[in-house]
Amino acid sequence: MKYLLILSALAAGHAAATDSLEQTNHLGWNSSAELGAISTSGNTVGTSVTGKIDAKQETDKWSNEYIVSGYFKDEQVTNEEGEKVRERSAQRFSLSAKAGYKLLQDDHGKLFALATHVDDKFGAYTRYSTIGVGYGTQTYKSDTHTLDVEIGPGYFRGVRSEGEAESGMTIRGAANLKWKLSDSAQFRQNLSVERGTSNIHSMAETALLTKINSTMQMKAAFNIRNDTNVPADKKNTDTQTSVTLVYSF
């Protein structure tokens, strides 16, 4: 079996990034786009593509972030007639928008409002939407490490794979750890947990980024999504391993 790794980046931008691996928080826009694809041939034939656009906006009073991401996978399978056909086995799209108001008495503190939506054709929840508010701050900072945390209440509405709708109040907590390994390498760990009345929805990403040049990075990541209450024919945990190129602009 041969594996062909196709890595490409979205190459349009309106401003050059700095030489640092970490984007600076100057006023204005800091954005990145990442894209990766894997094609397999031989005994197993298939294609998977993952992509993400992350746009951050800094003003004197606001810190905003908008994220669009998607993932799909096609595989060649043999149907009941013995014919080989291409079949979609994964398809997920997600959107999120967060607006954070900077508190004058706290250098890193923000009051934020957050809205997210996930459409997952093959997931335990085919649709999952949340809105929430809360407080976020940077609890630790050193020359090589930063740790940011958030907490606040929210409301969710989801549709399970069998068509049943759920909704209710949640409490959300999130943490974002960044560890500078060198001038050209960084480790990141993101975690968010939403606890509702009937389900605990959690997401985590472990990632290693290495700088290729002033605008390009390579990212290796492992993502986990977990729901504690799922239909009988679904698993609680979905994982995704990816290698992508990240273009900063």
Protein backbone atom coordinates (compact mmCIF):
# COMPACT_ATOMS: atom_id res chain seq x y z
CA MET A 1 0.00 0.00 0.00
CA LYS A 2 1.38 3.36 -0.96
CA TYR A 3 0.53 6.61 0.77
CA LEU A 4 0.83 9.92 -1.06
CA LEU A 5 0.79 12.97 1.22
CA ILE A 6 -0.36 16.09 -0.58
CA LEU A 7 0.25 19.26 1.42
CA SER A 8 -0.74 22.64 0.10
CA ALA A 9 -1.58 26.07 1.49
CA LEU A 10 -4.03 28.80 0.60
CA ALA A 11 -1.69 31.36 -0.88
CA ALA A 12 -3.64 34.61 -0.85
CA GLY A 13 -3.03 37.34 1.70
CA HIS A 14 -3.02 41.06 2.21
CA ALA A 15 -0.11 41.44 4.64
CA ALA A 16 3.12 39.59 5.36
CA ALA A 17 3.55 37.74 8.63
CA THR A 18 6.46 38.31 10.98
CA ASP A 19 9.46 35.99 11.25
CA SER A 20 8.17 34.71 14.59
CA LEU A 21 6.33 31.40 14.80
CA GLU A 22 3.73 33.07 17.02
CA GLN A 23 1.69 35.81 15.41
CA THR A 24 1.93 39.15 17.18
CA ASN A 25 -1.14 40.75 18.74
CA HIS A 26 -0.84 44.12 16.98
CA LEU A 27 -4.01 46.02 16.24
CA GLY A 28 -5.73 44.84 13.10
CA TRP A 29 -6.09 41.38 11.58
CA ASN A 30 -3.95 38.28 12.16
CA SER A 31 -5.13 35.34 10.06
CA SER A 32 -4.03 31.88 9.05
CA ALA A 33 -5.23 29.21 6.65
CA GLU A 34 -4.28 25.54 6.85
CA LEU A 35 -4.87 22.71 4.43
CA GLY A 36 -3.85 19.06 4.23
CA ALA A 37 -4.85 16.05 2.16
CA ILE A 38 -4.05 12.34 2.10
CA SER A 39 -4.65 10.05 -0.87
CA THR A 40 -4.28 6.26 -0.63
CA SER A 41 -4.06 3.67 -3.40
CA GLY A 42 -3.50 -0.06 -3.69
CA ASN A 43 -5.48 -2.34 -1.38
CA THR A 44 -7.18 0.71 0.16
CA VAL A 45 -8.31 3.59 -2.06
CA GLY A 46 -9.49 6.85 -0.57
CA THR A 47 -8.99 10.57 -0.09
CA SER A 48 -9.30 12.76 2.97
CA VAL A 49 -9.02 16.55 3.16
CA THR A 50 -8.92 18.83 6.19
CA GLY A 51 -8.82 22.64 6.21
CA LYS A 52 -9.23 25.60 8.53
CA ILE A 53 -9.30 29.40 8.38
CA ASP A 54 -8.67 31.29 11.63
CA ALA A 55 -9.07 35.09 11.57
CA LYS A 56 -8.25 37.20 14.65
CA GLN A 57 -9.02 40.90 15.01
CA GLU A 58 -7.49 43.17 17.66
CA THR A 59 -8.74 46.67 18.49
CA ASP A 60 -8.18 48.91 21.49
CA LYS A 61 -11.21 47.47 23.28
CA TRP A 62 -12.03 44.20 21.50
CA SER A 63 -10.34 40.90 20.71
CA ASN A 64 -12.38 38.90 18.18
CA GLU A 65 -11.86 35.52 16.50
CA TYR A 66 -13.66 33.77 13.63
CA ILE A 67 -12.96 30.14 12.68
CA VAL A 68 -14.20 28.04 9.75
CA SER A 69 -13.06 24.42 9.42
CA GLY A 70 -13.98 21.33 7.46
CA TYR A 71 -13.06 17.68 7.05
CA PHE A 72 -14.24 15.00 4.64
CA LYS A 73 -13.14 11.51 3.66
CA ASP A 74 -14.05 9.36 0.62
CA GLU A 75 -13.30 5.63 0.43
CA GLN A 76 -13.65 2.99 -2.26
CA VAL A 77 -15.94 0.17 -1.12
CA THR A 78 -17.54 -2.87 -2.71
CA ASN A 79 -21.35 -2.70 -2.86
CA GLU A 80 -23.83 -5.58 -2.73
CA GLU A 81 -23.52 -6.11 -6.49
CA GLY A 82 -19.75 -6.55 -6.18
CA GLU A 83 -18.98 -3.22 -7.82
CA LYS A 84 -16.35 -0.86 -6.44
CA VAL A 85 -17.78 2.59 -5.76
CA ARG A 86 -16.63 5.74 -3.96
CA GLU A 87 -18.47 6.41 -0.72
CA ARG A 88 -18.34 9.36 1.70
CA SER A 89 -17.36 8.10 5.17
CA ALA A 90 -16.74 11.41 6.98
CA GLN A 91 -18.06 14.93 6.51
CA ARG A 92 -17.86 17.65 9.14
CA PHE A 93 -18.01 21.44 8.97
CA SER A 94 -17.81 23.87 11.87
CA LEU A 95 -18.13 27.62 12.41
CA SER A 96 -17.38 29.73 15.46
CA ALA A 97 -17.31 33.43 16.32
CA LYS A 98 -16.07 34.95 19.58
CA ALA A 99 -16.08 38.60 20.63
CA GLY A 100 -14.03 39.52 23.71
CA TYR A 101 -14.23 42.90 25.47
CA LYS A 102 -10.95 43.86 27.14
CA LEU A 103 -11.21 44.83 30.79
CA LEU A 104 -9.17 47.91 31.62
CA GLN A 105 -8.32 46.76 35.16
CA ASP A 106 -7.00 43.40 33.95
CA ASP A 107 -4.20 43.29 31.35
CA HIS A 108 -5.33 39.89 30.07
CA GLY A 109 -8.94 39.65 31.24
CA LYS A 110 -11.85 39.66 28.79
CA LEU A 111 -15.61 39.31 28.92
CA PHE A 112 -16.61 37.29 25.88
CA ALA A 113 -19.60 36.09 23.88
CA LEU A 114 -19.26 32.90 21.83
CA ALA A 115 -21.37 31.18 19.16
CA THR A 116 -20.52 27.84 17.50
CA HIS A 117 -22.15 25.46 15.04
CA VAL A 118 -21.06 21.98 13.93
CA ASP A 119 -22.59 19.95 11.11
CA ASP A 120 -21.35 16.34 11.25
CA LYS A 121 -23.09 13.98 8.83
CA PHE A 122 -21.74 10.82 10.46
CA GLY A 123 -21.38 11.96 14.07
CA ALA A 124 -23.32 11.06 17.20
CA TYR A 125 -24.78 14.59 16.89
CA THR A 126 -25.40 15.53 13.26
CA ARG A 127 -25.86 19.18 14.30
CA TYR A 128 -24.64 20.87 17.46
CA SER A 129 -24.97 24.61 18.15
CA THR A 130 -24.05 26.64 21.22
CA ILE A 131 -24.10 30.20 22.44
CA GLY A 132 -22.41 31.36 25.62
CA VAL A 133 -20.84 34.18 27.59
CA GLY A 134 -18.07 34.18 30.14
CA TYR A 135 -14.75 35.45 31.42
CA GLY A 136 -11.31 34.61 30.06
CA THR A 137 -7.82 35.49 31.27
CA GLN A 138 -4.18 34.49 31.01
CA THR A 139 -3.33 32.71 34.24
CA TYR A 140 0.36 32.05 33.53
CA LYS A 141 3.06 33.59 31.34
CA SER A 142 6.79 33.02 31.08
CA ASP A 143 9.43 33.30 28.37
CA THR A 144 8.41 29.89 27.00
CA HIS A 145 4.90 29.15 28.34
CA THR A 146 1.47 30.78 28.35
CA LEU A 147 -1.80 29.42 29.72
CA ASP A 148 -5.18 31.02 28.94
CA VAL A 149 -8.45 29.83 30.51
CA GLU A 150 -12.15 30.61 30.00
CA ILE A 151 -15.32 29.78 31.90
CA GLY A 152 -18.97 30.73 31.58
CA PRO A 153 -22.58 29.59 31.10
CA GLY A 154 -24.24 28.86 27.79
CA TYR A 155 -27.07 27.18 25.93
CA PHE A 156 -26.91 24.34 23.41
CA ARG A 157 -29.19 22.74 20.85
CA GLY A 158 -28.28 19.47 19.16
CA VAL A 159 -29.78 16.87 16.84
CA ARG A 160 -28.73 13.28 17.49
CA SER A 161 -28.03 10.84 14.66
CA GLU A 162 -31.43 9.16 15.08
CA GLY A 163 -33.18 12.54 14.66
CA GLU A 164 -33.95 13.35 18.30
CA ALA A 165 -33.45 17.01 19.25
CA GLU A 166 -31.91 18.10 22.56
CA SER A 167 -31.42 21.49 24.15
CA GLY A 168 -30.56 22.99 27.52
CA MET A 169 -28.20 25.07 29.61
CA THR A 170 -24.48 24.32 29.81
CA ILE A 171 -21.41 25.39 31.73
CA ARG A 172 -18.28 25.69 29.59
CA GLY A 173 -14.62 25.67 30.52
CA ALA A 174 -11.63 25.96 28.18
CA ALA A 175 -7.84 26.08 28.42
CA ASN A 176 -5.14 26.90 25.86
CA LEU A 177 -1.49 26.05 26.59
CA LYS A 178 1.37 27.26 24.37
CA TRP A 179 4.94 26.07 24.90
CA LYS A 180 7.78 27.57 22.90
CA LEU A 181 10.24 24.74 22.26
CA SER A 182 12.59 26.86 20.14
CA ASP A 183 12.50 29.85 17.82
CA SER A 184 11.09 27.57 15.11
CA ALA A 185 8.95 25.07 17.05
CA GLN A 186 5.93 25.34 19.34
CA PHE A 187 3.72 22.88 21.19
CA ARG A 188 0.03 23.67 21.73
CA GLN A 189 -2.67 21.99 23.78
CA ASN A 190 -6.30 23.17 23.57
CA LEU A 191 -9.16 21.76 25.63
CA SER A 192 -12.83 22.73 25.97
CA VAL A 193 -15.58 21.01 27.96
CA GLU A 194 -19.32 21.79 27.90
CA ARG A 195 -21.40 20.12 30.59
CA GLY A 196 -25.14 19.98 29.94
CA THR A 197 -28.04 18.32 31.68
CA SER A 198 -27.74 15.04 29.75
CA ASN A 199 -24.35 15.13 28.03
CA ILE A 200 -20.75 16.27 28.46
CA HIS A 201 -19.30 17.47 25.15
CA SER A 202 -15.51 17.87 25.05
CA MET A 203 -12.89 18.65 22.41
CA ALA A 204 -9.10 18.59 22.59
CA GLU A 205 -6.27 19.28 20.16
CA THR A 206 -2.61 18.42 20.68
CA ALA A 207 -0.40 20.07 18.06
CA LEU A 208 3.24 20.64 17.15
CA LEU A 209 4.10 23.50 14.78
CA THR A 210 7.44 24.06 13.05
CA LYS A 211 8.34 27.14 11.03
CA ILE A 212 9.30 26.68 7.37
CA ASN A 213 9.72 30.39 6.54
CA SER A 214 8.28 33.75 7.56
CA THR A 215 4.75 32.89 6.41
CA MET A 216 4.61 29.09 6.31
CA GLN A 217 4.46 26.48 9.06
CA MET A 218 3.97 22.73 9.20
CA LYS A 219 1.50 21.44 11.79
CA ALA A 220 1.05 17.90 13.09
CA ALA A 221 -2.09 17.53 15.22
CA PHE A 222 -4.19 14.97 17.05
CA ASN A 223 -7.85 15.90 17.70
CA ILE A 224 -10.33 14.22 20.04
CA ARG A 225 -14.10 14.81 20.23
CA ASN A 226 -16.12 13.07 22.94
CA ASP A 227 -19.78 12.90 23.99
CA THR A 228 -20.78 10.95 27.09
CA ASN A 229 -24.36 10.28 25.92
CA VAL A 230 -24.59 8.87 22.37
CA PRO A 231 -26.93 6.54 20.45
CA ALA A 232 -26.32 2.80 20.83
CA ASP A 233 -24.84 2.47 17.33
CA LYS A 234 -22.32 5.32 17.81
CA LYS A 235 -19.01 5.52 19.65
CA ASN A 236 -18.38 8.11 22.33
CA THR A 237 -15.06 9.29 20.91
CA ASP A 238 -13.96 10.45 17.46
CA THR A 239 -10.27 11.09 16.73
CA GLN A 240 -8.43 12.69 13.82
CA THR A 241 -4.70 12.79 13.09
CA SER A 242 -3.53 15.34 10.54
CA VAL A 243 -0.45 16.95 9.00
CA THR A 244 -1.13 20.32 7.38
CA LEU A 245 0.60 23.38 6.05
CA VAL A 246 -0.36 26.66 7.72
CA TYR A 247 -0.08 29.96 5.84
CA SER A 248 -0.13 33.13 7.98
CA PHE A 249 -1.19 36.48 6.64
